[in-house]
């Protein structure tokens, strides 16, 4: 980096750009900001092996030496196979609201692309094969009687009903919050293996611990104690032969210091 600058901003993909930026940052100590658009995905088995190897070597090195990582959605921050173990910053994509606005009829765009009478979907970003643009996207409409609002959900699932799509969309945040809790409190910072069976086994173990702690809290009626507190107490008393109720119940006993001095006095003669 011959040109002096205050900060370096790189994007991924394309690959290797962030790797060389991270190497330059490591040498020059200039802060590096990385906009992580998506994981590197390539078709067929051989390319999937290459993308997995890149993510675990060059990609991991780049993320370690990056000062700040930017993603465009909260969902991607939680589900990315590379970014989830780092604390990224969520900055949504910017859209020109004057050009792309619900009040604009879009007649110029329809006329330019000969889309009269057809559905038009606004897509923000570059059209790449790994983004799944080749799949047909339909709109499932749902009317909420409580709020009086009509919602449209984009999906490529043609089997389930619009009500099911709306319910799945409504529950998505609960699922993300649940996995966020697992990562924060059960401390799944990294997986011990790369195979599907290994990853699923570790996740199921974490879920089993969560369910067992929730059962203990309910049966012992520990409403004033959080699950996180229970886990912390169990982690430090794991090998003690003490009943759970005694460990998790706060004691009001006062320790009285006895004035018993059995120590011999050196100069008492």
C-alpha atoms as a PDB file:
ATOM      1  CA  UNK A   1       0.000   0.000   0.000  1.00  0.00           C
ATOM      2  CA  UNK A   2       2.072   2.851  -1.326  1.00  0.00           C
ATOM      3  CA  UNK A   3      -0.746   5.399  -1.038  1.00  0.00           C
ATOM      4  CA  UNK A   4      -1.264   6.727   2.467  1.00  0.00           C
ATOM      5  CA  UNK A   5      -4.815   6.423   3.746  1.00  0.00           C
ATOM      6  CA  UNK A   6      -6.713   6.460   7.034  1.00  0.00           C
ATOM      7  CA  UNK A   7      -8.835   3.380   6.437  1.00  0.00           C
ATOM      8  CA  UNK A   8      -9.166   0.510   3.936  1.00  0.00           C
ATOM      9  CA  UNK A   9     -12.574  -0.749   2.805  1.00  0.00           C
ATOM     10  CA  UNK A  10     -12.795  -4.097   0.990  1.00  0.00           C
ATOM     11  CA  UNK A  11     -15.658  -6.291  -0.269  1.00  0.00           C
ATOM     12  CA  UNK A  12     -16.184 -10.047  -0.429  1.00  0.00           C
ATOM     13  CA  UNK A  13     -16.901 -11.590  -2.875  1.00  0.00           C
ATOM     14  CA  UNK A  14     -14.815 -11.519  -5.075  1.00  0.00           C
ATOM     15  CA  UNK A  15     -12.358 -13.777  -3.232  1.00  0.00           C
ATOM     16  CA  UNK A  16      -8.738 -12.968  -2.343  1.00  0.00           C
ATOM     17  CA  UNK A  17      -9.457  -9.219  -2.290  1.00  0.00           C
ATOM     18  CA  UNK A  18     -10.092  -9.292   1.448  1.00  0.00           C
ATOM     19  CA  UNK A  19      -7.134 -11.656   1.983  1.00  0.00           C
ATOM     20  CA  UNK A  20      -4.568  -9.280   0.481  1.00  0.00           C
ATOM     21  CA  UNK A  21      -6.278  -6.364   2.242  1.00  0.00           C
ATOM     22  CA  UNK A  22      -5.931  -8.199   5.557  1.00  0.00           C
ATOM     23  CA  UNK A  23      -2.250  -8.895   4.872  1.00  0.00           C
ATOM     24  CA  UNK A  24      -1.691  -5.214   4.114  1.00  0.00           C
ATOM     25  CA  UNK A  25      -3.559  -4.263   7.268  1.00  0.00           C
ATOM     26  CA  UNK A  26      -1.387  -6.634   9.310  1.00  0.00           C
ATOM     27  CA  UNK A  27       1.778  -4.989   7.995  1.00  0.00           C
ATOM     28  CA  UNK A  28       0.742  -1.323   7.893  1.00  0.00           C
ATOM     29  CA  UNK A  29      -1.677  -1.368  10.882  1.00  0.00           C
ATOM     30  CA  UNK A  30      -4.172   0.678   8.855  1.00  0.00           C
ATOM     31  CA  UNK A  31      -7.750  -0.192   9.993  1.00  0.00           C
ATOM     32  CA  UNK A  32      -9.591  -2.543   7.632  1.00  0.00           C
ATOM     33  CA  UNK A  33     -13.374  -2.535   7.149  1.00  0.00           C
ATOM     34  CA  UNK A  34     -14.822  -5.495   5.277  1.00  0.00           C
ATOM     35  CA  UNK A  35     -18.290  -5.545   3.709  1.00  0.00           C
ATOM     36  CA  UNK A  36     -19.279  -9.206   3.721  1.00  0.00           C
ATOM     37  CA  UNK A  37     -21.957  -9.641   1.064  1.00  0.00           C
ATOM     38  CA  UNK A  38     -22.229 -13.430   1.100  1.00  0.00           C
ATOM     39  CA  UNK A  39     -20.338 -16.663   1.656  1.00  0.00           C
ATOM     40  CA  UNK A  40     -18.312 -17.926  -1.270  1.00  0.00           C
ATOM     41  CA  UNK A  41     -20.517 -20.543  -2.957  1.00  0.00           C
ATOM     42  CA  UNK A  42     -19.577 -22.496  -6.074  1.00  0.00           C
ATOM     43  CA  UNK A  43     -21.597 -25.198  -7.900  1.00  0.00           C
ATOM     44  CA  UNK A  44     -20.839 -28.963  -8.024  1.00  0.00           C
ATOM     45  CA  UNK A  45     -18.910 -31.015  -5.462  1.00  0.00           C
ATOM     46  CA  UNK A  46     -15.349 -30.039  -6.402  1.00  0.00           C
ATOM     47  CA  UNK A  47     -16.098 -26.331  -6.277  1.00  0.00           C
ATOM     48  CA  UNK A  48     -17.890 -26.759  -2.951  1.00  0.00           C
ATOM     49  CA  UNK A  49     -14.728 -28.359  -1.589  1.00  0.00           C
ATOM     50  CA  UNK A  50     -12.679 -25.421  -2.892  1.00  0.00           C
ATOM     51  CA  UNK A  51     -15.050 -22.857  -1.343  1.00  0.00           C
ATOM     52  CA  UNK A  52     -14.997 -24.722   1.991  1.00  0.00           C
ATOM     53  CA  UNK A  53     -11.185 -24.836   1.934  1.00  0.00           C
ATOM     54  CA  UNK A  54     -11.009 -21.130   1.119  1.00  0.00           C
ATOM     55  CA  UNK A  55     -13.406 -20.238   3.935  1.00  0.00           C
ATOM     56  CA  UNK A  56     -11.347 -22.153   6.501  1.00  0.00           C
ATOM     57  CA  UNK A  57      -7.958 -20.808   5.375  1.00  0.00           C
ATOM     58  CA  UNK A  58      -7.750 -17.529   3.454  1.00  0.00           C
ATOM     59  CA  UNK A  59     -11.233 -16.391   4.473  1.00  0.00           C
ATOM     60  CA  UNK A  60     -10.697 -17.104   8.169  1.00  0.00           C
ATOM     61  CA  UNK A  61      -7.341 -15.294   8.123  1.00  0.00           C
ATOM     62  CA  UNK A  62      -9.007 -12.265   6.541  1.00  0.00           C
ATOM     63  CA  UNK A  63     -11.787 -12.083   9.141  1.00  0.00           C
ATOM     64  CA  UNK A  64      -9.344 -12.371  12.046  1.00  0.00           C
ATOM     65  CA  UNK A  65      -7.357  -9.325  10.927  1.00  0.00           C
ATOM     66  CA  UNK A  66     -10.416  -7.257   9.979  1.00  0.00           C
ATOM     67  CA  UNK A  67     -11.248  -4.433  12.382  1.00  0.00           C
ATOM     68  CA  UNK A  68     -14.932  -4.181  11.478  1.00  0.00           C
ATOM     69  CA  UNK A  69     -17.178  -6.520   9.469  1.00  0.00           C
ATOM     70  CA  UNK A  70     -20.323  -5.173   7.802  1.00  0.00           C
ATOM     71  CA  UNK A  71     -23.287  -7.292   6.694  1.00  0.00           C
ATOM     72  CA  UNK A  72     -26.542  -6.083   5.166  1.00  0.00           C
ATOM     73  CA  UNK A  73     -29.119  -8.033   7.240  1.00  0.00           C
ATOM     74  CA  UNK A  74     -29.535  -9.405  10.761  1.00  0.00           C
ATOM     75  CA  UNK A  75     -30.465 -12.761   9.262  1.00  0.00           C
ATOM     76  CA  UNK A  76     -27.169 -13.087   7.417  1.00  0.00           C
ATOM     77  CA  UNK A  77     -25.231 -12.017  10.507  1.00  0.00           C
ATOM     78  CA  UNK A  78     -26.724 -15.016  12.341  1.00  0.00           C
ATOM     79  CA  UNK A  79     -26.715 -17.635   9.570  1.00  0.00           C
ATOM     80  CA  UNK A  80     -23.485 -17.057   7.651  1.00  0.00           C
ATOM     81  CA  UNK A  81     -21.110 -20.002   8.011  1.00  0.00           C
ATOM     82  CA  UNK A  82     -18.127 -17.654   8.301  1.00  0.00           C
ATOM     83  CA  UNK A  83     -19.337 -14.441   9.947  1.00  0.00           C
ATOM     84  CA  UNK A  84     -21.526 -15.769  12.791  1.00  0.00           C
ATOM     85  CA  UNK A  85     -18.556 -16.318  15.125  1.00  0.00           C
ATOM     86  CA  UNK A  86     -17.501 -12.670  14.734  1.00  0.00           C
ATOM     87  CA  UNK A  87     -19.535  -9.624  15.880  1.00  0.00           C
ATOM     88  CA  UNK A  88     -20.527  -7.942  12.584  1.00  0.00           C
ATOM     89  CA  UNK A  89     -22.257  -4.603  12.155  1.00  0.00           C
ATOM     90  CA  UNK A  90     -25.568  -4.614  10.257  1.00  0.00           C
ATOM     91  CA  UNK A  91     -25.914  -1.813   7.690  1.00  0.00           C
ATOM     92  CA  UNK A  92     -28.808  -2.355   5.220  1.00  0.00           C
ATOM     93  CA  UNK A  93     -28.365  -1.741   1.517  1.00  0.00           C
ATOM     94  CA  UNK A  94     -29.226   1.768   0.391  1.00  0.00           C
ATOM     95  CA  UNK A  95     -31.969   2.296  -2.200  1.00  0.00           C
ATOM     96  CA  UNK A  96     -32.784   5.450  -4.136  1.00  0.00           C
ATOM     97  CA  UNK A  97     -36.235   6.165  -2.712  1.00  0.00           C
ATOM     98  CA  UNK A  98     -36.998   8.708  -5.432  1.00  0.00           C
ATOM     99  CA  UNK A  99     -36.574   6.187  -8.235  1.00  0.00           C
ATOM    100  CA  UNK A 100     -37.779   3.070  -6.407  1.00  0.00           C
ATOM    101  CA  UNK A 101     -40.796   4.215  -4.455  1.00  0.00           C
ATOM    102  CA  UNK A 102     -44.243   2.592  -4.025  1.00  0.00           C
ATOM    103  CA  UNK A 103     -45.841   5.781  -5.318  1.00  0.00           C
ATOM    104  CA  UNK A 104     -43.870   5.607  -8.576  1.00  0.00           C
ATOM    105  CA  UNK A 105     -45.782   3.680 -11.251  1.00  0.00           C
ATOM    106  CA  UNK A 106     -42.599   2.400 -12.888  1.00  0.00           C
ATOM    107  CA  UNK A 107     -43.912   3.078 -16.391  1.00  0.00           C
ATOM    108  CA  UNK A 108     -40.484   4.092 -17.697  1.00  0.00           C
ATOM    109  CA  UNK A 109     -38.839   0.901 -16.448  1.00  0.00           C
ATOM    110  CA  UNK A 110     -41.695  -1.255 -17.774  1.00  0.00           C
ATOM    111  CA  UNK A 111     -41.513   0.405 -21.148  1.00  0.00           C
ATOM    112  CA  UNK A 112     -37.730   0.070 -21.316  1.00  0.00           C
ATOM    113  CA  UNK A 113     -37.810  -3.681 -20.587  1.00  0.00           C
ATOM    114  CA  UNK A 114     -41.164  -4.420 -22.224  1.00  0.00           C
ATOM    115  CA  UNK A 115     -42.790  -5.503 -18.921  1.00  0.00           C
ATOM    116  CA  UNK A 116     -46.301  -4.232 -19.530  1.00  0.00           C
ATOM    117  CA  UNK A 117     -48.788  -6.427 -17.716  1.00  0.00           C
ATOM    118  CA  UNK A 118     -46.074  -8.432 -15.909  1.00  0.00           C
ATOM    119  CA  UNK A 119     -44.912  -8.461 -12.311  1.00  0.00           C
ATOM    120  CA  UNK A 120     -41.815  -6.427 -11.553  1.00  0.00           C
ATOM    121  CA  UNK A 121     -39.602  -7.230  -8.557  1.00  0.00           C
ATOM    122  CA  UNK A 122     -36.935  -4.858  -7.254  1.00  0.00           C
ATOM    123  CA  UNK A 123     -33.695  -6.718  -6.624  1.00  0.00           C
ATOM    124  CA  UNK A 124     -30.895  -4.903  -4.810  1.00  0.00           C
ATOM    125  CA  UNK A 125     -27.449  -6.199  -5.716  1.00  0.00           C
ATOM    126  CA  UNK A 126     -25.657  -7.964  -8.522  1.00  0.00           C
ATOM    127  CA  UNK A 127     -27.358 -10.930 -10.159  1.00  0.00           C
ATOM    128  CA  UNK A 128     -25.134 -13.968  -9.488  1.00  0.00           C
ATOM    129  CA  UNK A 129     -25.836 -17.683  -9.792  1.00  0.00           C
ATOM    130  CA  UNK A 130     -25.207 -18.412  -6.099  1.00  0.00           C
ATOM    131  CA  UNK A 131     -27.992 -16.004  -5.054  1.00  0.00           C
ATOM    132  CA  UNK A 132     -30.694 -18.282  -6.458  1.00  0.00           C
ATOM    133  CA  UNK A 133     -32.201 -15.831  -8.933  1.00  0.00           C
ATOM    134  CA  UNK A 134     -33.059 -18.694 -11.270  1.00  0.00           C
ATOM    135  CA  UNK A 135     -35.791 -19.815  -8.868  1.00  0.00           C
ATOM    136  CA  UNK A 136     -39.207 -18.392  -9.556  1.00  0.00           C
ATOM    137  CA  UNK A 137     -40.381 -16.045  -6.829  1.00  0.00           C
ATOM    138  CA  UNK A 138     -44.088 -15.692  -6.142  1.00  0.00           C
ATOM    139  CA  UNK A 139     -45.936 -13.362  -3.808  1.00  0.00           C
ATOM    140  CA  UNK A 140     -48.156 -14.799  -1.063  1.00  0.00           C
ATOM    141  CA  UNK A 141     -50.664 -12.243   0.184  1.00  0.00           C
ATOM    142  CA  UNK A 142     -51.953 -12.297   3.760  1.00  0.00           C
ATOM    143  CA  UNK A 143     -54.495  -9.993   5.434  1.00  0.00           C
ATOM    144  CA  UNK A 144     -54.026  -9.314   9.154  1.00  0.00           C
ATOM    145  CA  UNK A 145     -57.434  -8.789  10.761  1.00  0.00           C
ATOM    146  CA  UNK A 146     -55.981  -7.366  13.983  1.00  0.00           C
ATOM    147  CA  UNK A 147     -54.075  -4.513  12.361  1.00  0.00           C
ATOM    148  CA  UNK A 148     -56.093  -4.249   9.149  1.00  0.00           C
ATOM    149  CA  UNK A 149     -52.947  -4.432   7.045  1.00  0.00           C
ATOM    150  CA  UNK A 150     -52.231  -6.540   3.970  1.00  0.00           C
ATOM    151  CA  UNK A 151     -48.802  -8.164   3.675  1.00  0.00           C
ATOM    152  CA  UNK A 152     -47.049  -9.704   0.687  1.00  0.00           C
ATOM    153  CA  UNK A 153     -44.372 -12.354   1.287  1.00  0.00           C
ATOM    154  CA  UNK A 154     -41.943 -13.439  -1.418  1.00  0.00           C
ATOM    155  CA  UNK A 155     -41.351 -17.190  -1.535  1.00  0.00           C
ATOM    156  CA  UNK A 156     -40.442 -20.016  -3.887  1.00  0.00           C
ATOM    157  CA  UNK A 157     -42.524 -22.572  -1.948  1.00  0.00           C
ATOM    158  CA  UNK A 158     -45.631 -23.394  -4.015  1.00  0.00           C
ATOM    159  CA  UNK A 159     -46.955 -26.187  -1.761  1.00  0.00           C
ATOM    160  CA  UNK A 160     -47.922 -24.473   1.505  1.00  0.00           C
ATOM    161  CA  UNK A 161     -50.675 -21.878   1.838  1.00  0.00           C
ATOM    162  CA  UNK A 162     -50.272 -18.117   2.206  1.00  0.00           C
ATOM    163  CA  UNK A 163     -51.291 -18.393   5.882  1.00  0.00           C
ATOM    164  CA  UNK A 164     -48.475 -20.876   6.550  1.00  0.00           C
ATOM    165  CA  UNK A 165     -45.947 -18.594   4.828  1.00  0.00           C
ATOM    166  CA  UNK A 166     -47.121 -15.679   6.997  1.00  0.00           C
ATOM    167  CA  UNK A 167     -46.845 -17.746  10.193  1.00  0.00           C
ATOM    168  CA  UNK A 168     -43.335 -18.920   9.283  1.00  0.00           C
ATOM    169  CA  UNK A 169     -42.299 -15.342   8.613  1.00  0.00           C
ATOM    170  CA  UNK A 170     -43.770 -14.288  11.963  1.00  0.00           C
ATOM    171  CA  UNK A 171     -41.812 -16.980  13.825  1.00  0.00           C
ATOM    172  CA  UNK A 172     -38.493 -16.335  12.100  1.00  0.00           C
ATOM    173  CA  UNK A 173     -37.294 -13.801  14.693  1.00  0.00           C
ATOM    174  CA  UNK A 174     -37.990 -16.205  17.546  1.00  0.00           C
ATOM    175  CA  UNK A 175     -35.824 -18.811  15.834  1.00  0.00           C
ATOM    176  CA  UNK A 176     -32.993 -16.303  15.311  1.00  0.00           C
ATOM    177  CA  UNK A 177     -33.212 -15.108  18.922  1.00  0.00           C
ATOM    178  CA  UNK A 178     -33.094 -18.729  20.081  1.00  0.00           C
ATOM    179  CA  UNK A 179     -29.905 -19.487  18.138  1.00  0.00           C
ATOM    180  CA  UNK A 180     -28.409 -16.192  19.258  1.00  0.00           C
ATOM    181  CA  UNK A 181     -29.034 -17.257  22.856  1.00  0.00           C
ATOM    182  CA  UNK A 182     -27.339 -20.598  22.170  1.00  0.00           C
ATOM    183  CA  UNK A 183     -24.256 -18.888  20.743  1.00  0.00           C
ATOM    184  CA  UNK A 184     -24.045 -16.405  23.611  1.00  0.00           C
ATOM    185  CA  UNK A 185     -24.854 -18.603  26.612  1.00  0.00           C
ATOM    186  CA  UNK A 186     -23.881 -22.112  25.526  1.00  0.00           C
ATOM    187  CA  UNK A 187     -20.659 -20.761  24.045  1.00  0.00           C
ATOM    188  CA  UNK A 188     -20.606 -22.518  20.685  1.00  0.00           C
ATOM    189  CA  UNK A 189     -17.713 -20.492  19.358  1.00  0.00           C
ATOM    190  CA  UNK A 190     -16.481 -23.119  16.913  1.00  0.00           C
ATOM    191  CA  UNK A 191     -17.417 -26.589  15.735  1.00  0.00           C
ATOM    192  CA  UNK A 192     -15.198 -29.543  16.583  1.00  0.00           C
ATOM    193  CA  UNK A 193     -15.613 -31.104  13.137  1.00  0.00           C
ATOM    194  CA  UNK A 194     -16.613 -30.288   9.588  1.00  0.00           C
ATOM    195  CA  UNK A 195     -18.945 -33.161   8.749  1.00  0.00           C
ATOM    196  CA  UNK A 196     -22.720 -32.767   8.808  1.00  0.00           C
ATOM    197  CA  UNK A 197     -23.072 -35.336  11.584  1.00  0.00           C
ATOM    198  CA  UNK A 198     -20.529 -33.544  13.797  1.00  0.00           C
ATOM    199  CA  UNK A 199     -22.177 -30.149  13.414  1.00  0.00           C
ATOM    200  CA  UNK A 200     -25.667 -31.518  14.043  1.00  0.00           C
ATOM    201  CA  UNK A 201     -24.469 -33.487  17.082  1.00  0.00           C
ATOM    202  CA  UNK A 202     -22.923 -30.404  18.676  1.00  0.00           C
ATOM    203  CA  UNK A 203     -26.023 -28.322  18.024  1.00  0.00           C
ATOM    204  CA  UNK A 204     -28.301 -31.023  19.446  1.00  0.00           C
ATOM    205  CA  UNK A 205     -26.123 -31.258  22.557  1.00  0.00           C
ATOM    206  CA  UNK A 206     -26.462 -27.502  23.055  1.00  0.00           C
ATOM    207  CA  UNK A 207     -30.235 -27.695  22.589  1.00  0.00           C
ATOM    208  CA  UNK A 208     -30.443 -30.632  25.026  1.00  0.00           C
ATOM    209  CA  UNK A 209     -28.585 -28.623  27.673  1.00  0.00           C
ATOM    210  CA  UNK A 210     -30.945 -25.701  27.120  1.00  0.00           C
ATOM    211  CA  UNK A 211     -34.037 -27.916  27.504  1.00  0.00           C
ATOM    212  CA  UNK A 212     -32.671 -29.647  30.632  1.00  0.00           C
ATOM    213  CA  UNK A 213     -31.921 -26.318  32.293  1.00  0.00           C
ATOM    214  CA  UNK A 214     -35.408 -25.054  31.389  1.00  0.00           C
ATOM    215  CA  UNK A 215     -36.956 -28.203  32.925  1.00  0.00           C
ATOM    216  CA  UNK A 216     -34.915 -27.753  36.109  1.00  0.00           C
ATOM    217  CA  UNK A 217     -36.023 -24.141  36.373  1.00  0.00           C
ATOM    218  CA  UNK A 218     -39.694 -25.067  35.957  1.00  0.00           C
ATOM    219  CA  UNK A 219     -39.714 -28.049  38.344  1.00  0.00           C
ATOM    220  CA  UNK A 220     -37.796 -26.234  41.080  1.00  0.00           C
ATOM    221  CA  UNK A 221     -39.962 -23.128  40.557  1.00  0.00           C
ATOM    222  CA  UNK A 222     -37.030 -20.770  40.135  1.00  0.00           C
ATOM    223  CA  UNK A 223     -38.991 -17.932  38.537  1.00  0.00           C
ATOM    224  CA  UNK A 224     -36.657 -15.208  39.838  1.00  0.00           C
ATOM    225  CA  UNK A 225     -33.539 -16.889  38.444  1.00  0.00           C
ATOM    226  CA  UNK A 226     -32.583 -16.632  34.780  1.00  0.00           C
ATOM    227  CA  UNK A 227     -31.394 -19.560  32.702  1.00  0.00           C
ATOM    228  CA  UNK A 228     -28.037 -17.876  32.277  1.00  0.00           C
ATOM    229  CA  UNK A 229     -27.584 -17.659  36.069  1.00  0.00           C
ATOM    230  CA  UNK A 230     -28.506 -21.325  36.487  1.00  0.00           C
ATOM    231  CA  UNK A 231     -25.961 -22.308  33.845  1.00  0.00           C
ATOM    232  CA  UNK A 232     -23.254 -20.251  35.542  1.00  0.00           C
ATOM    233  CA  UNK A 233     -23.959 -21.894  38.915  1.00  0.00           C
ATOM    234  CA  UNK A 234     -23.996 -25.389  37.419  1.00  0.00           C
ATOM    235  CA  UNK A 235     -20.722 -24.767  35.596  1.00  0.00           C
ATOM    236  CA  UNK A 236     -18.831 -24.090  38.849  1.00  0.00           C
ATOM    237  CA  UNK A 237     -20.565 -26.838  40.879  1.00  0.00           C
ATOM    238  CA  UNK A 238     -20.546 -29.541  38.235  1.00  0.00           C
ATOM    239  CA  UNK A 239     -18.586 -32.112  40.255  1.00  0.00           C
ATOM    240  CA  UNK A 240     -20.109 -31.393  43.668  1.00  0.00           C
ATOM    241  CA  UNK A 241     -22.346 -34.043  45.268  1.00  0.00           C
ATOM    242  CA  UNK A 242     -25.069 -31.613  46.282  1.00  0.00           C
ATOM    243  CA  UNK A 243     -28.761 -31.514  45.465  1.00  0.00           C
ATOM    244  CA  UNK A 244     -29.790 -29.080  42.756  1.00  0.00           C
ATOM    245  CA  UNK A 245     -32.344 -27.368  44.978  1.00  0.00           C
ATOM    246  CA  UNK A 246     -29.695 -26.672  47.596  1.00  0.00           C
ATOM    247  CA  UNK A 247     -27.256 -25.317  45.015  1.00  0.00           C
ATOM    248  CA  UNK A 248     -29.764 -23.102  43.218  1.00  0.00           C
ATOM    249  CA  UNK A 249     -31.568 -21.802  46.315  1.00  0.00           C
ATOM    250  CA  UNK A 250     -30.184 -18.645  47.786  1.00  0.00           C
ATOM    251  CA  UNK A 251     -29.067 -19.043  51.382  1.00  0.00           C
ATOM    252  CA  UNK A 252     -29.791 -16.404  54.020  1.00  0.00           C
ATOM    253  CA  UNK A 253     -27.302 -17.802  56.535  1.00  0.00           C
ATOM    254  CA  UNK A 254     -24.984 -15.304  58.104  1.00  0.00           C
ATOM    255  CA  UNK A 255     -21.405 -16.364  58.601  1.00  0.00           C
ATOM    256  CA  UNK A 256     -20.376 -15.576  62.187  1.00  0.00           C
ATOM    257  CA  UNK A 257     -16.675 -15.275  62.669  1.00  0.00           C
ATOM    258  CA  UNK A 258     -15.648 -17.029  65.875  1.00  0.00           C
ATOM    259  CA  UNK A 259     -13.000 -15.394  68.014  1.00  0.00           C
ATOM    260  CA  UNK A 260     -11.101 -18.619  68.492  1.00  0.00           C
ATOM    261  CA  UNK A 261      -7.387 -18.178  68.169  1.00  0.00           C
ATOM    262  CA  UNK A 262      -5.430 -21.393  68.236  1.00  0.00           C
ATOM    263  CA  UNK A 263      -2.347 -19.797  66.813  1.00  0.00           C
ATOM    264  CA  UNK A 264       0.614 -19.766  69.130  1.00  0.00           C
ATOM    265  CA  UNK A 265       1.954 -16.344  69.955  1.00  0.00           C
ATOM    266  CA  UNK A 266       5.586 -15.917  69.159  1.00  0.00           C
ATOM    267  CA  UNK A 267       6.409 -13.183  71.677  1.00  0.00           C
ATOM    268  CA  UNK A 268       4.076 -14.236  74.504  1.00  0.00           C
ATOM    269  CA  UNK A 269       6.686 -15.117  77.182  1.00  0.00           C
END
